[in-house]
mmCIF file of all heavy atoms, coordinates in Angstrom:
data_MODEL
# 
_entry.id   MODEL 
# 
loop_
_atom_site.group_PDB 
_atom_site.id 
_atom_site.type_symbol 
_atom_site.label_atom_id 
_atom_site.label_alt_id 
_atom_site.label_comp_id 
_atom_site.label_asym_id 
_atom_site.label_entity_id 
_atom_site.label_seq_id 
_atom_site.pdbx_PDB_ins_code 
_atom_site.Cartn_x 
_atom_site.Cartn_y 
_atom_site.Cartn_z 
_atom_site.occupancy 
_atom_site.B_iso_or_equiv 
_atom_site.pdbx_formal_charge 
_atom_site.auth_seq_id 
_atom_site.auth_comp_id 
_atom_site.auth_asym_id 
_atom_site.auth_atom_id 
_atom_site.pdbx_PDB_model_num 
ATOM 1   N N   . ILE A 1 1  ? -13.647 2.725   0.046  1.00 0.00 ? 1  ILE A N   1 
ATOM 2   C CA  . ILE A 1 1  ? -14.463 3.856   -0.561 1.00 0.00 ? 1  ILE A CA  1 
ATOM 3   C C   . ILE A 1 1  ? -13.497 4.948   -0.791 1.00 0.00 ? 1  ILE A C   1 
ATOM 4   O O   . ILE A 1 1  ? -13.403 5.474   -1.949 1.00 0.00 ? 1  ILE A O   1 
ATOM 5   C CB  . ILE A 1 1  ? -15.535 4.248   0.444  1.00 0.00 ? 1  ILE A CB  1 
ATOM 6   C CG1 . ILE A 1 1  ? -16.440 3.172   0.698  1.00 0.00 ? 1  ILE A CG1 1 
ATOM 7   C CG2 . ILE A 1 1  ? -16.308 5.478   -0.132 1.00 0.00 ? 1  ILE A CG2 1 
ATOM 8   C CD1 . ILE A 1 1  ? -17.511 3.361   1.767  1.00 0.00 ? 1  ILE A CD1 1 
ATOM 9   N N   . ARG A 1 2  ? -12.725 5.371   0.194  1.00 0.00 ? 2  ARG A N   1 
ATOM 10  C CA  . ARG A 1 2  ? -11.840 6.561   -0.040 1.00 0.00 ? 2  ARG A CA  1 
ATOM 11  C C   . ARG A 1 2  ? -10.438 6.181   -0.496 1.00 0.00 ? 2  ARG A C   1 
ATOM 12  O O   . ARG A 1 2  ? -9.839  6.846   -1.286 1.00 0.00 ? 2  ARG A O   1 
ATOM 13  C CB  . ARG A 1 2  ? -11.655 7.292   1.294  1.00 0.00 ? 2  ARG A CB  1 
ATOM 14  C CG  . ARG A 1 2  ? -10.773 8.537   1.192  1.00 0.00 ? 2  ARG A CG  1 
ATOM 15  C CD  . ARG A 1 2  ? -10.640 9.127   2.611  1.00 0.00 ? 2  ARG A CD  1 
ATOM 16  N NE  . ARG A 1 2  ? -9.829  10.340  2.623  1.00 0.00 ? 2  ARG A NE  1 
ATOM 17  C CZ  . ARG A 1 2  ? -10.283 11.618  2.277  1.00 0.00 ? 2  ARG A CZ  1 
ATOM 18  N NH1 . ARG A 1 2  ? -11.540 11.748  2.005  1.00 0.00 ? 2  ARG A NH1 1 
ATOM 19  N NH2 . ARG A 1 2  ? -9.430  12.596  2.274  1.00 0.00 ? 2  ARG A NH2 1 
ATOM 20  N N   . TYR A 1 3  ? -9.987  4.994   -0.084 1.00 0.00 ? 3  TYR A N   1 
ATOM 21  C CA  . TYR A 1 3  ? -8.639  4.497   -0.453 1.00 0.00 ? 3  TYR A CA  1 
ATOM 22  C C   . TYR A 1 3  ? -8.704  3.164   -1.165 1.00 0.00 ? 3  TYR A C   1 
ATOM 23  O O   . TYR A 1 3  ? -9.663  2.457   -1.051 1.00 0.00 ? 3  TYR A O   1 
ATOM 24  C CB  . TYR A 1 3  ? -7.780  4.318   0.790  1.00 0.00 ? 3  TYR A CB  1 
ATOM 25  C CG  . TYR A 1 3  ? -7.514  5.614   1.538  1.00 0.00 ? 3  TYR A CG  1 
ATOM 26  C CD1 . TYR A 1 3  ? -8.217  5.932   2.650  1.00 0.00 ? 3  TYR A CD1 1 
ATOM 27  C CD2 . TYR A 1 3  ? -6.498  6.506   1.147  1.00 0.00 ? 3  TYR A CD2 1 
ATOM 28  C CE1 . TYR A 1 3  ? -7.952  7.156   3.352  1.00 0.00 ? 3  TYR A CE1 1 
ATOM 29  C CE2 . TYR A 1 3  ? -6.206  7.637   1.872  1.00 0.00 ? 3  TYR A CE2 1 
ATOM 30  C CZ  . TYR A 1 3  ? -6.975  7.984   2.912  1.00 0.00 ? 3  TYR A CZ  1 
ATOM 31  O OH  . TYR A 1 3  ? -6.665  9.075   3.667  1.00 0.00 ? 3  TYR A OH  1 
ATOM 32  N N   . GLN A 1 4  ? -7.581  2.897   -1.942 1.00 0.00 ? 4  GLN A N   1 
ATOM 33  C CA  . GLN A 1 4  ? -7.319  1.551   -2.330 1.00 0.00 ? 4  GLN A CA  1 
ATOM 34  C C   . GLN A 1 4  ? -6.187  1.084   -1.492 1.00 0.00 ? 4  GLN A C   1 
ATOM 35  O O   . GLN A 1 4  ? -5.221  1.816   -1.184 1.00 0.00 ? 4  GLN A O   1 
ATOM 36  C CB  . GLN A 1 4  ? -6.912  1.430   -3.816 1.00 0.00 ? 4  GLN A CB  1 
ATOM 37  C CG  . GLN A 1 4  ? -8.102  1.781   -4.738 1.00 0.00 ? 4  GLN A CG  1 
ATOM 38  C CD  . GLN A 1 4  ? -7.615  1.534   -6.220 1.00 0.00 ? 4  GLN A CD  1 
ATOM 39  O OE1 . GLN A 1 4  ? -6.495  1.797   -6.571 1.00 0.00 ? 4  GLN A OE1 1 
ATOM 40  N NE2 . GLN A 1 4  ? -8.565  1.148   -7.009 1.00 0.00 ? 4  GLN A NE2 1 
ATOM 41  N N   . TYR A 1 5  ? -6.186  -0.178  -0.995 1.00 0.00 ? 5  TYR A N   1 
ATOM 42  C CA  . TYR A 1 5  ? -5.165  -0.705  -0.170 1.00 0.00 ? 5  TYR A CA  1 
ATOM 43  C C   . TYR A 1 5  ? -4.454  -1.811  -0.944 1.00 0.00 ? 5  TYR A C   1 
ATOM 44  O O   . TYR A 1 5  ? -4.950  -2.667  -1.581 1.00 0.00 ? 5  TYR A O   1 
ATOM 45  C CB  . TYR A 1 5  ? -5.768  -1.325  1.076  1.00 0.00 ? 5  TYR A CB  1 
ATOM 46  C CG  . TYR A 1 5  ? -6.321  -0.259  1.953  1.00 0.00 ? 5  TYR A CG  1 
ATOM 47  C CD1 . TYR A 1 5  ? -7.684  0.044   1.920  1.00 0.00 ? 5  TYR A CD1 1 
ATOM 48  C CD2 . TYR A 1 5  ? -5.573  0.312   2.955  1.00 0.00 ? 5  TYR A CD2 1 
ATOM 49  C CE1 . TYR A 1 5  ? -8.217  1.045   2.755  1.00 0.00 ? 5  TYR A CE1 1 
ATOM 50  C CE2 . TYR A 1 5  ? -6.100  1.301   3.809  1.00 0.00 ? 5  TYR A CE2 1 
ATOM 51  C CZ  . TYR A 1 5  ? -7.440  1.665   3.682  1.00 0.00 ? 5  TYR A CZ  1 
ATOM 52  O OH  . TYR A 1 5  ? -7.998  2.628   4.508  1.00 0.00 ? 5  TYR A OH  1 
ATOM 53  N N   . SER A 1 6  ? -3.050  -1.699  -0.913 1.00 0.00 ? 6  SER A N   1 
ATOM 54  C CA  . SER A 1 6  ? -2.199  -2.718  -1.550 1.00 0.00 ? 6  SER A CA  1 
ATOM 55  C C   . SER A 1 6  ? -1.282  -3.298  -0.515 1.00 0.00 ? 6  SER A C   1 
ATOM 56  O O   . SER A 1 6  ? -0.870  -2.624  0.434  1.00 0.00 ? 6  SER A O   1 
ATOM 57  C CB  . SER A 1 6  ? -1.322  -2.004  -2.661 1.00 0.00 ? 6  SER A CB  1 
ATOM 58  O OG  . SER A 1 6  ? -2.160  -1.370  -3.599 1.00 0.00 ? 6  SER A OG  1 
ATOM 59  N N   . VAL A 1 7  ? -1.046  -4.555  -0.719 1.00 0.00 ? 7  VAL A N   1 
ATOM 60  C CA  . VAL A 1 7  ? -0.028  -5.246  0.061  1.00 0.00 ? 7  VAL A CA  1 
ATOM 61  C C   . VAL A 1 7  ? 1.117   -5.716  -0.848 1.00 0.00 ? 7  VAL A C   1 
ATOM 62  O O   . VAL A 1 7  ? 1.015   -6.455  -1.748 1.00 0.00 ? 7  VAL A O   1 
ATOM 63  C CB  . VAL A 1 7  ? -0.610  -6.504  0.741  1.00 0.00 ? 7  VAL A CB  1 
ATOM 64  C CG1 . VAL A 1 7  ? 0.399   -7.176  1.681  1.00 0.00 ? 7  VAL A CG1 1 
ATOM 65  C CG2 . VAL A 1 7  ? -1.869  -6.137  1.549  1.00 0.00 ? 7  VAL A CG2 1 
ATOM 66  N N   . GLU A 1 8  ? 2.306   -4.980  -0.613 1.00 0.00 ? 8  GLU A N   1 
ATOM 67  C CA  . GLU A 1 8  ? 3.449   -5.228  -1.540 1.00 0.00 ? 8  GLU A CA  1 
ATOM 68  C C   . GLU A 1 8  ? 4.697   -5.555  -0.802 1.00 0.00 ? 8  GLU A C   1 
ATOM 69  O O   . GLU A 1 8  ? 4.816   -5.330  0.401  1.00 0.00 ? 8  GLU A O   1 
ATOM 70  C CB  . GLU A 1 8  ? 3.700   -3.848  -2.290 1.00 0.00 ? 8  GLU A CB  1 
ATOM 71  C CG  . GLU A 1 8  ? 2.477   -3.287  -3.012 1.00 0.00 ? 8  GLU A CG  1 
ATOM 72  C CD  . GLU A 1 8  ? 2.776   -1.925  -3.631 1.00 0.00 ? 8  GLU A CD  1 
ATOM 73  O OE1 . GLU A 1 8  ? 3.933   -1.454  -3.528 1.00 0.00 ? 8  GLU A OE1 1 
ATOM 74  O OE2 . GLU A 1 8  ? 1.821   -1.344  -4.189 1.00 0.00 ? 8  GLU A OE2 1 
ATOM 75  N N   . SER A 1 9  ? 5.605   -6.223  -1.518 1.00 0.00 ? 9  SER A N   1 
ATOM 76  C CA  . SER A 1 9  ? 6.908   -6.569  -0.866 1.00 0.00 ? 9  SER A CA  1 
ATOM 77  C C   . SER A 1 9  ? 7.684   -5.300  -0.512 1.00 0.00 ? 9  SER A C   1 
ATOM 78  O O   . SER A 1 9  ? 7.625   -4.325  -1.211 1.00 0.00 ? 9  SER A O   1 
ATOM 79  C CB  . SER A 1 9  ? 7.763   -7.410  -1.890 1.00 0.00 ? 9  SER A CB  1 
ATOM 80  O OG  . SER A 1 9  ? 9.067   -7.607  -1.372 1.00 0.00 ? 9  SER A OG  1 
ATOM 81  N N   . ASP A 1 10 ? 8.390   -5.436  0.621  1.00 0.00 ? 10 ASP A N   1 
ATOM 82  C CA  . ASP A 1 10 ? 9.265   -4.248  1.015  1.00 0.00 ? 10 ASP A CA  1 
ATOM 83  C C   . ASP A 1 10 ? 10.661  -4.533  0.539  1.00 0.00 ? 10 ASP A C   1 
ATOM 84  O O   . ASP A 1 10 ? 11.551  -3.682  0.960  1.00 0.00 ? 10 ASP A O   1 
ATOM 85  C CB  . ASP A 1 10 ? 9.175   -4.020  2.513  1.00 0.00 ? 10 ASP A CB  1 
ATOM 86  C CG  . ASP A 1 10 ? 9.780   -5.165  3.339  1.00 0.00 ? 10 ASP A CG  1 
ATOM 87  O OD1 . ASP A 1 10 ? 10.156  -6.161  2.757  1.00 0.00 ? 10 ASP A OD1 1 
ATOM 88  O OD2 . ASP A 1 10 ? 9.896   -4.998  4.576  1.00 0.00 ? 10 ASP A OD2 1 
ATOM 89  N N   . ASN A 1 11 ? 10.977  -5.576  -0.122 1.00 0.00 ? 11 ASN A N   1 
ATOM 90  C CA  . ASN A 1 11 ? 12.327  -5.923  -0.597 1.00 0.00 ? 11 ASN A CA  1 
ATOM 91  C C   . ASN A 1 11 ? 13.237  -6.197  0.528  1.00 0.00 ? 11 ASN A C   1 
ATOM 92  O O   . ASN A 1 11 ? 14.494  -6.120  0.390  1.00 0.00 ? 11 ASN A O   1 
ATOM 93  C CB  . ASN A 1 11 ? 12.868  -4.844  -1.592 1.00 0.00 ? 11 ASN A CB  1 
ATOM 94  C CG  . ASN A 1 11 ? 12.003  -4.710  -2.793 1.00 0.00 ? 11 ASN A CG  1 
ATOM 95  O OD1 . ASN A 1 11 ? 11.622  -5.718  -3.415 1.00 0.00 ? 11 ASN A OD1 1 
ATOM 96  N ND2 . ASN A 1 11 ? 11.708  -3.533  -3.246 1.00 0.00 ? 11 ASN A ND2 1 
ATOM 97  N N   . ARG A 1 12 ? 12.716  -6.441  1.703  1.00 0.00 ? 12 ARG A N   1 
ATOM 98  C CA  . ARG A 1 12 ? 13.533  -6.717  2.902  1.00 0.00 ? 12 ARG A CA  1 
ATOM 99  C C   . ARG A 1 12 ? 13.000  -8.021  3.586  1.00 0.00 ? 12 ARG A C   1 
ATOM 100 O O   . ARG A 1 12 ? 13.221  -8.266  4.720  1.00 0.00 ? 12 ARG A O   1 
ATOM 101 C CB  . ARG A 1 12 ? 13.525  -5.602  3.910  1.00 0.00 ? 12 ARG A CB  1 
ATOM 102 C CG  . ARG A 1 12 ? 14.071  -4.240  3.330  1.00 0.00 ? 12 ARG A CG  1 
ATOM 103 C CD  . ARG A 1 12 ? 13.893  -3.163  4.249  1.00 0.00 ? 12 ARG A CD  1 
ATOM 104 N NE  . ARG A 1 12 ? 14.624  -3.325  5.473  1.00 0.00 ? 12 ARG A NE  1 
ATOM 105 C CZ  . ARG A 1 12 ? 14.697  -2.325  6.406  1.00 0.00 ? 12 ARG A CZ  1 
ATOM 106 N NH1 . ARG A 1 12 ? 14.060  -1.114  6.162  1.00 0.00 ? 12 ARG A NH1 1 
ATOM 107 N NH2 . ARG A 1 12 ? 15.348  -2.517  7.530  1.00 0.00 ? 12 ARG A NH2 1 
ATOM 108 N N   . GLY A 1 13 ? 12.253  -8.800  2.820  1.00 0.00 ? 13 GLY A N   1 
ATOM 109 C CA  . GLY A 1 13 ? 11.680  -10.033 3.349  1.00 0.00 ? 13 GLY A CA  1 
ATOM 110 C C   . GLY A 1 13 ? 10.331  -9.800  4.052  1.00 0.00 ? 13 GLY A C   1 
ATOM 111 O O   . GLY A 1 13 ? 9.760   -10.798 4.651  1.00 0.00 ? 13 GLY A O   1 
ATOM 112 N N   . GLY A 1 14 ? 9.806   -8.668  4.024  1.00 0.00 ? 14 GLY A N   1 
ATOM 113 C CA  . GLY A 1 14 ? 8.514   -8.426  4.578  1.00 0.00 ? 14 GLY A CA  1 
ATOM 114 C C   . GLY A 1 14 ? 7.506   -7.797  3.561  1.00 0.00 ? 14 GLY A C   1 
ATOM 115 O O   . GLY A 1 14 ? 7.704   -7.842  2.321  1.00 0.00 ? 14 GLY A O   1 
ATOM 116 N N   . MET A 1 15 ? 6.369   -7.227  4.107  1.00 0.00 ? 15 MET A N   1 
ATOM 117 C CA  . MET A 1 15 ? 5.400   -6.725  3.290  1.00 0.00 ? 15 MET A CA  1 
ATOM 118 C C   . MET A 1 15 ? 4.950   -5.261  3.763  1.00 0.00 ? 15 MET A C   1 
ATOM 119 O O   . MET A 1 15 ? 5.053   -5.066  5.019  1.00 0.00 ? 15 MET A O   1 
ATOM 120 C CB  . MET A 1 15 ? 4.034   -7.639  3.297  1.00 0.00 ? 15 MET A CB  1 
ATOM 121 C CG  . MET A 1 15 ? 4.407   -9.125  3.034  1.00 0.00 ? 15 MET A CG  1 
ATOM 122 S SD  . MET A 1 15 ? 4.858   -9.365  1.323  1.00 0.00 ? 15 MET A SD  1 
ATOM 123 C CE  . MET A 1 15 ? 3.286   -9.122  0.430  1.00 0.00 ? 15 MET A CE  1 
ATOM 124 N N   . LEU A 1 16 ? 4.499   -4.511  2.841  1.00 0.00 ? 16 LEU A N   1 
ATOM 125 C CA  . LEU A 1 16 ? 4.039   -3.124  3.151  1.00 0.00 ? 16 LEU A CA  1 
ATOM 126 C C   . LEU A 1 16 ? 2.503   -3.049  2.905  1.00 0.00 ? 16 LEU A C   1 
ATOM 127 O O   . LEU A 1 16 ? 1.945   -3.595  1.959  1.00 0.00 ? 16 LEU A O   1 
ATOM 128 C CB  . LEU A 1 16 ? 4.706   -2.113  2.237  1.00 0.00 ? 16 LEU A CB  1 
ATOM 129 C CG  . LEU A 1 16 ? 6.250   -1.937  2.324  1.00 0.00 ? 16 LEU A CG  1 
ATOM 130 C CD1 . LEU A 1 16 ? 6.688   -1.062  1.270  1.00 0.00 ? 16 LEU A CD1 1 
ATOM 131 C CD2 . LEU A 1 16 ? 6.677   -1.489  3.654  1.00 0.00 ? 16 LEU A CD2 1 
ATOM 132 N N   . VAL A 1 17 ? 1.788   -2.339  3.780  1.00 0.00 ? 17 VAL A N   1 
ATOM 133 C CA  . VAL A 1 17 ? 0.431   -2.103  3.580  1.00 0.00 ? 17 VAL A CA  1 
ATOM 134 C C   . VAL A 1 17 ? 0.320   -0.632  3.225  1.00 0.00 ? 17 VAL A C   1 
ATOM 135 O O   . VAL A 1 17 ? 0.747   0.210   4.044  1.00 0.00 ? 17 VAL A O   1 
ATOM 136 C CB  . VAL A 1 17 ? -0.473  -2.415  4.768  1.00 0.00 ? 17 VAL A CB  1 
ATOM 137 C CG1 . VAL A 1 17 ? -1.968  -1.979  4.578  1.00 0.00 ? 17 VAL A CG1 1 
ATOM 138 C CG2 . VAL A 1 17 ? -0.398  -3.945  5.070  1.00 0.00 ? 17 VAL A CG2 1 
ATOM 139 N N   . ILE A 1 18 ? -0.210  -0.338  2.013  1.00 0.00 ? 18 ILE A N   1 
ATOM 140 C CA  . ILE A 1 18 ? -0.185  1.017   1.472  1.00 0.00 ? 18 ILE A CA  1 
ATOM 141 C C   . ILE A 1 18 ? -1.615  1.472   1.073  1.00 0.00 ? 18 ILE A C   1 
ATOM 142 O O   . ILE A 1 18 ? -2.407  0.731   0.446  1.00 0.00 ? 18 ILE A O   1 
ATOM 143 C CB  . ILE A 1 18 ? 0.719   1.066   0.174  1.00 0.00 ? 18 ILE A CB  1 
ATOM 144 C CG1 . ILE A 1 18 ? 2.122   0.625   0.527  1.00 0.00 ? 18 ILE A CG1 1 
ATOM 145 C CG2 . ILE A 1 18 ? 0.683   2.455   -0.403 1.00 0.00 ? 18 ILE A CG2 1 
ATOM 146 C CD1 . ILE A 1 18 ? 3.005   0.378   -0.712 1.00 0.00 ? 18 ILE A CD1 1 
ATOM 147 N N   . ALA A 1 19 ? -2.013  2.644   1.479  1.00 0.00 ? 19 ALA A N   1 
ATOM 148 C CA  . ALA A 1 19 ? -3.327  3.265   1.211  1.00 0.00 ? 19 ALA A CA  1 
ATOM 149 C C   . ALA A 1 19 ? -3.093  4.384   0.126  1.00 0.00 ? 19 ALA A C   1 
ATOM 150 O O   . ALA A 1 19 ? -2.210  5.215   0.287  1.00 0.00 ? 19 ALA A O   1 
ATOM 151 C CB  . ALA A 1 19 ? -3.903  3.846   2.464  1.00 0.00 ? 19 ALA A CB  1 
ATOM 152 N N   . THR A 1 20 ? -3.904  4.335   -0.931 1.00 0.00 ? 20 THR A N   1 
ATOM 153 C CA  . THR A 1 20 ? -3.676  5.240   -2.033 1.00 0.00 ? 20 THR A CA  1 
ATOM 154 C C   . THR A 1 20 ? -5.073  5.767   -2.476 1.00 0.00 ? 20 THR A C   1 
ATOM 155 O O   . THR A 1 20 ? -6.042  5.066   -2.589 1.00 0.00 ? 20 THR A O   1 
ATOM 156 C CB  . THR A 1 20 ? -3.125  4.472   -3.270 1.00 0.00 ? 20 THR A CB  1 
ATOM 157 O OG1 . THR A 1 20 ? -1.901  3.829   -2.854 1.00 0.00 ? 20 THR A OG1 1 
ATOM 158 C CG2 . THR A 1 20 ? -2.754  5.439   -4.377 1.00 0.00 ? 20 THR A CG2 1 
ATOM 159 N N   . ASN A 1 21 ? -5.070  7.108   -2.795 1.00 0.00 ? 21 ASN A N   1 
ATOM 160 C CA  . ASN A 1 21 ? -6.188  7.675   -3.501 1.00 0.00 ? 21 ASN A CA  1 
ATOM 161 C C   . ASN A 1 21 ? -5.557  8.739   -4.486 1.00 0.00 ? 21 ASN A C   1 
ATOM 162 O O   . ASN A 1 21 ? -4.400  8.837   -4.658 1.00 0.00 ? 21 ASN A O   1 
ATOM 163 C CB  . ASN A 1 21 ? -7.249  8.240   -2.613 1.00 0.00 ? 21 ASN A CB  1 
ATOM 164 C CG  . ASN A 1 21 ? -6.782  9.334   -1.736 1.00 0.00 ? 21 ASN A CG  1 
ATOM 165 O OD1 . ASN A 1 21 ? -5.793  9.994   -2.010 1.00 0.00 ? 21 ASN A OD1 1 
ATOM 166 N ND2 . ASN A 1 21 ? -7.504  9.567   -0.728 1.00 0.00 ? 21 ASN A ND2 1 
ATOM 167 N N   . SER A 1 22 ? -6.415  9.558   -5.035 1.00 0.00 ? 22 SER A N   1 
ATOM 168 C CA  . SER A 1 22 ? -5.963  10.456  -6.105 1.00 0.00 ? 22 SER A CA  1 
ATOM 169 C C   . SER A 1 22 ? -5.123  11.563  -5.444 1.00 0.00 ? 22 SER A C   1 
ATOM 170 O O   . SER A 1 22 ? -4.361  12.270  -6.162 1.00 0.00 ? 22 SER A O   1 
ATOM 171 C CB  . SER A 1 22 ? -7.136  11.115  -6.821 1.00 0.00 ? 22 SER A CB  1 
ATOM 172 O OG  . SER A 1 22 ? -8.046  11.817  -5.884 1.00 0.00 ? 22 SER A OG  1 
ATOM 173 N N   . ASP A 1 23 ? -5.157  11.735  -4.098 1.00 0.00 ? 23 ASP A N   1 
ATOM 174 C CA  . ASP A 1 23 ? -4.484  12.852  -3.433 1.00 0.00 ? 23 ASP A CA  1 
ATOM 175 C C   . ASP A 1 23 ? -3.231  12.451  -2.733 1.00 0.00 ? 23 ASP A C   1 
ATOM 176 O O   . ASP A 1 23 ? -2.362  13.234  -2.481 1.00 0.00 ? 23 ASP A O   1 
ATOM 177 C CB  . ASP A 1 23 ? -5.475  13.565  -2.499 1.00 0.00 ? 23 ASP A CB  1 
ATOM 178 C CG  . ASP A 1 23 ? -6.604  14.180  -3.124 1.00 0.00 ? 23 ASP A CG  1 
ATOM 179 O OD1 . ASP A 1 23 ? -6.477  14.742  -4.186 1.00 0.00 ? 23 ASP A OD1 1 
ATOM 180 O OD2 . ASP A 1 23 ? -7.748  14.036  -2.568 1.00 0.00 ? 23 ASP A OD2 1 
ATOM 181 N N   . GLU A 1 24 ? -3.171  11.153  -2.333 1.00 0.00 ? 24 GLU A N   1 
ATOM 182 C CA  . GLU A 1 24 ? -2.070  10.795  -1.430 1.00 0.00 ? 24 GLU A CA  1 
ATOM 183 C C   . GLU A 1 24 ? -1.724  9.307   -1.571 1.00 0.00 ? 24 GLU A C   1 
ATOM 184 O O   . GLU A 1 24 ? -2.605  8.499   -1.948 1.00 0.00 ? 24 GLU A O   1 
ATOM 185 C CB  . GLU A 1 24 ? -2.299  11.130  -0.020 1.00 0.00 ? 24 GLU A CB  1 
ATOM 186 C CG  . GLU A 1 24 ? -3.563  10.493  0.562  1.00 0.00 ? 24 GLU A CG  1 
ATOM 187 C CD  . GLU A 1 24 ? -3.920  10.950  1.992  1.00 0.00 ? 24 GLU A CD  1 
ATOM 188 O OE1 . GLU A 1 24 ? -3.030  11.442  2.658  1.00 0.00 ? 24 GLU A OE1 1 
ATOM 189 O OE2 . GLU A 1 24 ? -5.070  10.897  2.412  1.00 0.00 ? 24 GLU A OE2 1 
# 
């Protein structure tokens, strides 16, 4: 609802979980 969540490569062999909205 408030955020979109992405799971992206960290370019170090792992993954990042990132929360995004219009403010942050």
